[in-house]
């Protein structure tokens, strides 16, 4: 099923197949990232979530349909992903907190919806020297950057102290799939060693309401 992009990736395709990827959150961003990771060729995928599918999720969480409402996201996601390709899915039904243990993976993709949890996970990734692809969305806008231990700024250095909103923000569905697509592209660059082309020490900010794509240099 990979004939249409295997040659584009060349020898890196085997690296992708052999690598382990952790997707933190299988909601809006996580749904896109998880599906694209399978379609790209990742075979060892760790999914972290603890919530059930809700009706408001269906506008942007592309792994789920009405029949999944009330089911654990991890179970519905695993079923859908295995319908696409033969993959090894490891489900981690836990909250990410100070007691969370990161498995042995090659890259972590942040698809979380709050900065408190992001900072906890990024700190753990930093200690284990695991590259961390951050993505976030709100309204029509989104951002992506790569945090690479001892090579880039830390997440808190980039964003500072952010107080998370009490109520979930409004989100335009198209920006979710766009940001998730960029995140999996960055994960591929990490696995393939393409640091020059990656968002290391750069923050990409998109706003679909005015079709703007701004690249902010962080170093």
C-alpha atoms as a PDB file:
ATOM      1  CA  UNK A   1       0.000   0.000   0.000  1.00  0.00           C
ATOM      2  CA  UNK A   2       3.009   2.309   0.156  1.00  0.00           C
ATOM      3  CA  UNK A   3       3.997   2.233  -3.523  1.00  0.00           C
ATOM      4  CA  UNK A   4       3.029   5.866  -4.088  1.00  0.00           C
ATOM      5  CA  UNK A   5       5.515   7.292  -1.566  1.00  0.00           C
ATOM      6  CA  UNK A   6       8.068   4.577  -0.791  1.00  0.00           C
ATOM      7  CA  UNK A   7      10.495   5.906  -3.419  1.00  0.00           C
ATOM      8  CA  UNK A   8      10.119   9.458  -2.081  1.00  0.00           C
ATOM      9  CA  UNK A   9      11.360   8.290   1.319  1.00  0.00           C
ATOM     10  CA  UNK A  10      14.017   5.943  -0.050  1.00  0.00           C
ATOM     11  CA  UNK A  11      16.063   4.139   2.588  1.00  0.00           C
ATOM     12  CA  UNK A  12      14.303   6.145   5.287  1.00  0.00           C
ATOM     13  CA  UNK A  13      11.125   4.148   4.740  1.00  0.00           C
ATOM     14  CA  UNK A  14      12.637   1.177   6.581  1.00  0.00           C
ATOM     15  CA  UNK A  15      13.651   3.455   9.468  1.00  0.00           C
ATOM     16  CA  UNK A  16      10.066   4.637   9.741  1.00  0.00           C
ATOM     17  CA  UNK A  17       8.792   1.063   9.730  1.00  0.00           C
ATOM     18  CA  UNK A  18      11.210   0.094  12.513  1.00  0.00           C
ATOM     19  CA  UNK A  19      10.641   3.175  14.684  1.00  0.00           C
ATOM     20  CA  UNK A  20       8.353   3.612  17.658  1.00  0.00           C
ATOM     21  CA  UNK A  21       6.082   6.655  17.807  1.00  0.00           C
ATOM     22  CA  UNK A  22       4.038   7.848  20.775  1.00  0.00           C
ATOM     23  CA  UNK A  23       0.923   9.923  20.102  1.00  0.00           C
ATOM     24  CA  UNK A  24      -0.204  11.765  23.232  1.00  0.00           C
ATOM     25  CA  UNK A  25      -3.935  12.308  22.906  1.00  0.00           C
ATOM     26  CA  UNK A  26      -6.171  10.688  20.308  1.00  0.00           C
ATOM     27  CA  UNK A  27      -8.600  13.568  19.858  1.00  0.00           C
ATOM     28  CA  UNK A  28      -8.572  16.088  17.020  1.00  0.00           C
ATOM     29  CA  UNK A  29      -4.855  16.332  16.339  1.00  0.00           C
ATOM     30  CA  UNK A  30      -4.204  12.792  17.510  1.00  0.00           C
ATOM     31  CA  UNK A  31      -6.767  11.314  15.130  1.00  0.00           C
ATOM     32  CA  UNK A  32      -5.094  12.893  12.116  1.00  0.00           C
ATOM     33  CA  UNK A  33      -1.596  12.070  13.339  1.00  0.00           C
ATOM     34  CA  UNK A  34      -2.503   8.457  14.130  1.00  0.00           C
ATOM     35  CA  UNK A  35      -4.145   7.799  10.767  1.00  0.00           C
ATOM     36  CA  UNK A  36      -1.343   9.464   8.817  1.00  0.00           C
ATOM     37  CA  UNK A  37       1.307   7.614  10.822  1.00  0.00           C
ATOM     38  CA  UNK A  38      -0.206   4.317   9.667  1.00  0.00           C
ATOM     39  CA  UNK A  39      -0.586   5.500   6.071  1.00  0.00           C
ATOM     40  CA  UNK A  40       3.016   6.754   6.099  1.00  0.00           C
ATOM     41  CA  UNK A  41       4.439   3.407   7.213  1.00  0.00           C
ATOM     42  CA  UNK A  42       4.875   3.545  10.993  1.00  0.00           C
ATOM     43  CA  UNK A  43       4.157   0.113  12.414  1.00  0.00           C
ATOM     44  CA  UNK A  44       4.873   0.547  16.135  1.00  0.00           C
ATOM     45  CA  UNK A  45       2.417   3.106  17.464  1.00  0.00           C
ATOM     46  CA  UNK A  46       1.740   3.949  21.095  1.00  0.00           C
ATOM     47  CA  UNK A  47      -1.553   5.745  21.768  1.00  0.00           C
ATOM     48  CA  UNK A  48      -2.150   7.581  25.043  1.00  0.00           C
ATOM     49  CA  UNK A  49      -5.669   8.620  26.026  1.00  0.00           C
ATOM     50  CA  UNK A  50      -8.310   7.850  28.634  1.00  0.00           C
ATOM     51  CA  UNK A  51     -11.484   9.477  27.309  1.00  0.00           C
ATOM     52  CA  UNK A  52     -14.560   8.211  25.482  1.00  0.00           C
ATOM     53  CA  UNK A  53     -15.864   9.445  22.140  1.00  0.00           C
ATOM     54  CA  UNK A  54     -18.398  12.271  22.528  1.00  0.00           C
ATOM     55  CA  UNK A  55     -20.733  13.672  19.876  1.00  0.00           C
ATOM     56  CA  UNK A  56     -18.952  17.084  19.789  1.00  0.00           C
ATOM     57  CA  UNK A  57     -15.737  15.195  18.921  1.00  0.00           C
ATOM     58  CA  UNK A  58     -17.052  14.134  15.536  1.00  0.00           C
ATOM     59  CA  UNK A  59     -16.540  17.487  13.813  1.00  0.00           C
ATOM     60  CA  UNK A  60     -12.738  17.122  13.846  1.00  0.00           C
ATOM     61  CA  UNK A  61     -11.700  13.707  15.215  1.00  0.00           C
ATOM     62  CA  UNK A  62     -11.490  11.837  11.932  1.00  0.00           C
ATOM     63  CA  UNK A  63     -11.010   8.331  13.355  1.00  0.00           C
ATOM     64  CA  UNK A  64     -14.521   8.227  14.816  1.00  0.00           C
ATOM     65  CA  UNK A  65     -18.134   8.094  13.625  1.00  0.00           C
ATOM     66  CA  UNK A  66     -21.517   8.130  15.367  1.00  0.00           C
ATOM     67  CA  UNK A  67     -21.264   4.413  16.073  1.00  0.00           C
ATOM     68  CA  UNK A  68     -18.195   5.098  18.266  1.00  0.00           C
ATOM     69  CA  UNK A  69     -19.975   7.472  20.659  1.00  0.00           C
ATOM     70  CA  UNK A  70     -19.543   6.202  24.208  1.00  0.00           C
ATOM     71  CA  UNK A  71     -16.636   3.908  23.308  1.00  0.00           C
ATOM     72  CA  UNK A  72     -13.139   4.371  24.632  1.00  0.00           C
ATOM     73  CA  UNK A  73     -11.180   6.351  22.053  1.00  0.00           C
ATOM     74  CA  UNK A  74      -8.269   3.952  22.310  1.00  0.00           C
ATOM     75  CA  UNK A  75     -10.425   0.986  21.319  1.00  0.00           C
ATOM     76  CA  UNK A  76     -12.122   2.731  18.408  1.00  0.00           C
ATOM     77  CA  UNK A  77      -8.817   4.152  17.204  1.00  0.00           C
ATOM     78  CA  UNK A  78      -7.103   0.765  17.318  1.00  0.00           C
ATOM     79  CA  UNK A  79      -9.917  -0.855  15.340  1.00  0.00           C
ATOM     80  CA  UNK A  80      -9.849   1.824  12.649  1.00  0.00           C
ATOM     81  CA  UNK A  81      -6.052   1.880  12.318  1.00  0.00           C
ATOM     82  CA  UNK A  82      -5.824  -1.887  11.986  1.00  0.00           C
ATOM     83  CA  UNK A  83      -8.419  -1.736   9.227  1.00  0.00           C
ATOM     84  CA  UNK A  84      -5.996   0.466   7.287  1.00  0.00           C
ATOM     85  CA  UNK A  85      -2.798  -1.569   7.707  1.00  0.00           C
ATOM     86  CA  UNK A  86      -1.104  -4.279   9.756  1.00  0.00           C
ATOM     87  CA  UNK A  87       0.292  -2.306  12.676  1.00  0.00           C
ATOM     88  CA  UNK A  88       1.271  -2.885  16.281  1.00  0.00           C
ATOM     89  CA  UNK A  89      -0.885  -0.619  18.441  1.00  0.00           C
ATOM     90  CA  UNK A  90      -0.031  -0.241  22.125  1.00  0.00           C
ATOM     91  CA  UNK A  91      -2.901   1.360  24.042  1.00  0.00           C
ATOM     92  CA  UNK A  92      -2.041   3.342  27.171  1.00  0.00           C
ATOM     93  CA  UNK A  93      -5.244   4.138  29.031  1.00  0.00           C
ATOM     94  CA  UNK A  94      -3.824   6.664  31.487  1.00  0.00           C
ATOM     95  CA  UNK A  95      -3.736  10.331  32.301  1.00  0.00           C
ATOM     96  CA  UNK A  96      -0.368  11.945  31.716  1.00  0.00           C
ATOM     97  CA  UNK A  97       0.858  13.165  35.085  1.00  0.00           C
ATOM     98  CA  UNK A  98       4.025  13.128  37.157  1.00  0.00           C
ATOM     99  CA  UNK A  99       3.771   9.342  37.528  1.00  0.00           C
ATOM    100  CA  UNK A 100       3.471   8.648  33.810  1.00  0.00           C
ATOM    101  CA  UNK A 101       6.267   6.534  32.347  1.00  0.00           C
ATOM    102  CA  UNK A 102       7.261   7.114  28.727  1.00  0.00           C
ATOM    103  CA  UNK A 103       7.842   3.836  26.844  1.00  0.00           C
ATOM    104  CA  UNK A 104      10.917   3.270  24.703  1.00  0.00           C
ATOM    105  CA  UNK A 105      10.026   5.237  21.555  1.00  0.00           C
ATOM    106  CA  UNK A 106      11.905   7.302  18.970  1.00  0.00           C
ATOM    107  CA  UNK A 107       9.631  10.341  18.813  1.00  0.00           C
ATOM    108  CA  UNK A 108       6.714  11.791  20.788  1.00  0.00           C
ATOM    109  CA  UNK A 109       3.925  13.772  19.127  1.00  0.00           C
ATOM    110  CA  UNK A 110       2.078  16.178  21.392  1.00  0.00           C
ATOM    111  CA  UNK A 111      -1.622  16.163  20.479  1.00  0.00           C
ATOM    112  CA  UNK A 112      -2.786  17.288  23.901  1.00  0.00           C
ATOM    113  CA  UNK A 113      -5.278  20.051  24.625  1.00  0.00           C
ATOM    114  CA  UNK A 114      -3.652  21.812  27.571  1.00  0.00           C
ATOM    115  CA  UNK A 115      -0.232  23.207  28.416  1.00  0.00           C
ATOM    116  CA  UNK A 116      -0.064  21.873  31.963  1.00  0.00           C
ATOM    117  CA  UNK A 117       0.006  18.307  30.651  1.00  0.00           C
ATOM    118  CA  UNK A 118       2.229  19.239  27.704  1.00  0.00           C
ATOM    119  CA  UNK A 119       4.869  20.627  30.033  1.00  0.00           C
ATOM    120  CA  UNK A 120       4.820  17.465  32.141  1.00  0.00           C
ATOM    121  CA  UNK A 121       5.233  15.234  29.091  1.00  0.00           C
ATOM    122  CA  UNK A 122       7.908  17.413  27.493  1.00  0.00           C
ATOM    123  CA  UNK A 123       9.918  17.375  30.732  1.00  0.00           C
ATOM    124  CA  UNK A 124       9.830  13.590  30.754  1.00  0.00           C
ATOM    125  CA  UNK A 125      10.771  13.486  27.063  1.00  0.00           C
ATOM    126  CA  UNK A 126      13.686  15.827  27.733  1.00  0.00           C
ATOM    127  CA  UNK A 127      15.017  13.596  30.507  1.00  0.00           C
ATOM    128  CA  UNK A 128      14.866  10.560  28.203  1.00  0.00           C
ATOM    129  CA  UNK A 129      16.332  12.544  25.266  1.00  0.00           C
ATOM    130  CA  UNK A 130      13.339  11.861  23.030  1.00  0.00           C
ATOM    131  CA  UNK A 131      12.405  14.398  20.307  1.00  0.00           C
ATOM    132  CA  UNK A 132       9.029  16.056  20.909  1.00  0.00           C
ATOM    133  CA  UNK A 133       6.755  17.425  18.169  1.00  0.00           C
ATOM    134  CA  UNK A 134       4.374  20.024  19.590  1.00  0.00           C
ATOM    135  CA  UNK A 135       1.132  21.008  17.929  1.00  0.00           C
ATOM    136  CA  UNK A 136      -1.711  23.180  19.128  1.00  0.00           C
ATOM    137  CA  UNK A 137      -4.928  24.620  17.672  1.00  0.00           C
ATOM    138  CA  UNK A 138      -7.471  27.267  18.591  1.00  0.00           C
ATOM    139  CA  UNK A 139     -10.078  28.959  16.439  1.00  0.00           C
ATOM    140  CA  UNK A 140      -8.732  29.195  12.907  1.00  0.00           C
ATOM    141  CA  UNK A 141      -5.101  29.129  14.065  1.00  0.00           C
ATOM    142  CA  UNK A 142      -2.509  26.557  14.981  1.00  0.00           C
ATOM    143  CA  UNK A 143       1.182  26.122  15.635  1.00  0.00           C
ATOM    144  CA  UNK A 144       3.861  23.450  15.317  1.00  0.00           C
ATOM    145  CA  UNK A 145       7.435  23.256  16.588  1.00  0.00           C
ATOM    146  CA  UNK A 146       9.994  20.559  17.376  1.00  0.00           C
ATOM    147  CA  UNK A 147      11.699  20.329  20.766  1.00  0.00           C
ATOM    148  CA  UNK A 148      14.912  18.341  20.517  1.00  0.00           C
ATOM    149  CA  UNK A 149      16.803  17.726  23.788  1.00  0.00           C
ATOM    150  CA  UNK A 150      19.949  19.860  24.064  1.00  0.00           C
ATOM    151  CA  UNK A 151      19.495  21.207  20.512  1.00  0.00           C
ATOM    152  CA  UNK A 152      16.478  23.504  20.789  1.00  0.00           C
ATOM    153  CA  UNK A 153      14.603  25.694  23.221  1.00  0.00           C
ATOM    154  CA  UNK A 154      12.316  23.939  25.673  1.00  0.00           C
ATOM    155  CA  UNK A 155       8.548  24.226  25.324  1.00  0.00           C
ATOM    156  CA  UNK A 156       8.228  26.468  28.374  1.00  0.00           C
ATOM    157  CA  UNK A 157      11.001  28.701  27.050  1.00  0.00           C
ATOM    158  CA  UNK A 158       8.964  29.229  23.902  1.00  0.00           C
ATOM    159  CA  UNK A 159       5.512  29.755  25.396  1.00  0.00           C
ATOM    160  CA  UNK A 160       6.181  30.697  29.027  1.00  0.00           C
ATOM    161  CA  UNK A 161       3.548  30.244  31.721  1.00  0.00           C
ATOM    162  CA  UNK A 162       0.166  29.730  30.057  1.00  0.00           C
ATOM    163  CA  UNK A 163      -3.063  29.430  31.994  1.00  0.00           C
ATOM    164  CA  UNK A 164      -5.278  26.851  30.326  1.00  0.00           C
ATOM    165  CA  UNK A 165      -8.861  27.755  29.500  1.00  0.00           C
ATOM    166  CA  UNK A 166     -11.609  26.221  31.612  1.00  0.00           C
ATOM    167  CA  UNK A 167     -13.933  25.583  28.664  1.00  0.00           C
ATOM    168  CA  UNK A 168     -12.807  23.848  25.461  1.00  0.00           C
ATOM    169  CA  UNK A 169     -11.982  26.427  22.759  1.00  0.00           C
ATOM    170  CA  UNK A 170     -13.824  26.715  19.473  1.00  0.00           C
ATOM    171  CA  UNK A 171     -11.799  25.028  16.712  1.00  0.00           C
ATOM    172  CA  UNK A 172     -12.169  25.134  12.913  1.00  0.00           C
ATOM    173  CA  UNK A 173     -11.926  21.484  11.719  1.00  0.00           C
ATOM    174  CA  UNK A 174      -9.633  22.211   8.754  1.00  0.00           C
ATOM    175  CA  UNK A 175      -6.905  23.721  10.930  1.00  0.00           C
ATOM    176  CA  UNK A 176      -6.852  20.534  13.030  1.00  0.00           C
ATOM    177  CA  UNK A 177      -6.118  18.268  10.073  1.00  0.00           C
ATOM    178  CA  UNK A 178      -3.592  20.772   8.713  1.00  0.00           C
ATOM    179  CA  UNK A 179      -1.605  20.982  11.950  1.00  0.00           C
ATOM    180  CA  UNK A 180      -1.781  17.213  12.485  1.00  0.00           C
ATOM    181  CA  UNK A 181      -0.459  16.649   8.970  1.00  0.00           C
ATOM    182  CA  UNK A 182       2.484  18.942   9.623  1.00  0.00           C
ATOM    183  CA  UNK A 183       3.206  17.144  12.881  1.00  0.00           C
ATOM    184  CA  UNK A 184       3.533  13.735  11.242  1.00  0.00           C
ATOM    185  CA  UNK A 185       5.702  15.301   8.540  1.00  0.00           C
ATOM    186  CA  UNK A 186       8.009  16.601  11.270  1.00  0.00           C
ATOM    187  CA  UNK A 187       8.133  13.160  12.881  1.00  0.00           C
ATOM    188  CA  UNK A 188       9.275  11.693   9.565  1.00  0.00           C
ATOM    189  CA  UNK A 189      12.022  14.335   9.302  1.00  0.00           C
ATOM    190  CA  UNK A 190      13.246  13.425  12.785  1.00  0.00           C
ATOM    191  CA  UNK A 191      13.393   9.715  11.955  1.00  0.00           C
ATOM    192  CA  UNK A 192      15.111  10.434   8.636  1.00  0.00           C
ATOM    193  CA  UNK A 193      17.649  12.852  10.174  1.00  0.00           C
ATOM    194  CA  UNK A 194      16.477  15.850   8.154  1.00  0.00           C
ATOM    195  CA  UNK A 195      17.210  18.488  10.783  1.00  0.00           C
ATOM    196  CA  UNK A 196      17.790  21.317   8.290  1.00  0.00           C
ATOM    197  CA  UNK A 197      14.309  20.941   6.870  1.00  0.00           C
ATOM    198  CA  UNK A 198      12.579  20.517  10.221  1.00  0.00           C
ATOM    199  CA  UNK A 199      10.960  22.971  12.617  1.00  0.00           C
ATOM    200  CA  UNK A 200      13.766  22.656  15.152  1.00  0.00           C
ATOM    201  CA  UNK A 201      14.244  26.127  16.695  1.00  0.00           C
ATOM    202  CA  UNK A 202      11.427  27.409  14.516  1.00  0.00           C
ATOM    203  CA  UNK A 203       7.741  27.915  15.271  1.00  0.00           C
ATOM    204  CA  UNK A 204       5.279  27.641  12.404  1.00  0.00           C
ATOM    205  CA  UNK A 205       2.086  29.618  13.040  1.00  0.00           C
ATOM    206  CA  UNK A 206      -0.854  29.247  10.659  1.00  0.00           C
ATOM    207  CA  UNK A 207      -4.111  31.186  10.511  1.00  0.00           C
ATOM    208  CA  UNK A 208      -6.643  29.901   7.999  1.00  0.00           C
ATOM    209  CA  UNK A 209      -8.927  32.892   8.491  1.00  0.00           C
ATOM    210  CA  UNK A 210      -6.436  34.993   6.498  1.00  0.00           C
ATOM    211  CA  UNK A 211      -4.391  32.166   4.905  1.00  0.00           C
ATOM    212  CA  UNK A 212      -1.207  33.209   6.680  1.00  0.00           C
ATOM    213  CA  UNK A 213       1.778  30.945   7.349  1.00  0.00           C
ATOM    214  CA  UNK A 214       4.415  32.604   9.541  1.00  0.00           C
ATOM    215  CA  UNK A 215       7.761  31.030  10.440  1.00  0.00           C
ATOM    216  CA  UNK A 216       9.236  32.386  13.661  1.00  0.00           C
ATOM    217  CA  UNK A 217      12.925  31.703  14.324  1.00  0.00           C
ATOM    218  CA  UNK A 218      13.527  30.859  17.983  1.00  0.00           C
ATOM    219  CA  UNK A 219      17.325  30.700  18.254  1.00  0.00           C
END
